């Protein structure tokens, strides 16, 4: 195991409204996902982090306990705290770019951007982001193709604070998932899947006949202590299957 050492960077700026323990968690996760602290590396001690952030050790201890429960770090009695093996795959559906899925099958992926906008969240959306009404969100609607055939409509809402450059991305050449995995390291995910008939606008985007069902994946991802994105992904049942492994 390689030690990261206890040489501290300049003290991070304190952000109003974010509890100190959460700021410490965010700092540690950012260092891990930037590749500065790798799997098996020992991170600075509670005392060192307390000095760096100007907080009591009990505050640091809370941050490390929560990171350990989230399996981001491992705490070894008498030895210290280490970066844990990172596990980003759910028990059923992997957090994977659809472009990667298509290319893995030896096929050609393409994407058409139908909508990119910045909005203030209405109450219903704000609740999904565990936030107050009016928070800034980015909204995208994309159609993904496999060998020039529509296989997915991706309707995604994104936390603007975690992904400030979202609207500047060229999604014809990279996917929202690829961008978000770079800037908002995955901390947790929840999802559900159902079969349902698509509304007319989705049927039109997917070139589907009336009466054909869709497989719909609803997925919420979390990063740095907040909801990062809420996505609904529509797939024609006759052209797509959801797979996974344990």
Foldseek 3Di string as FASTA:
>chain_A
DAELDLPDDAQDDDDPPDDLLLVLLQVVVVCDLVVVADFFYFYHALVSVCVSHVHDSVSPVVSQVVCVVLQQWPADPPPGIGGHDDDQQDAWAGLDDVCVVLVVVVWHKFKDWDDWDKDFAAPVVCVVFVHDGGQIKIWTWMFMDTNNATFKIKTKIFRCVQQVCQSVDDCRVPNPSVSCCNRFPFRDKDKDKDKDFDPPVVCVSNVHDGPFIWIKMWMWTDGSHTTGMTMIMTGGPVPDDGGGHD
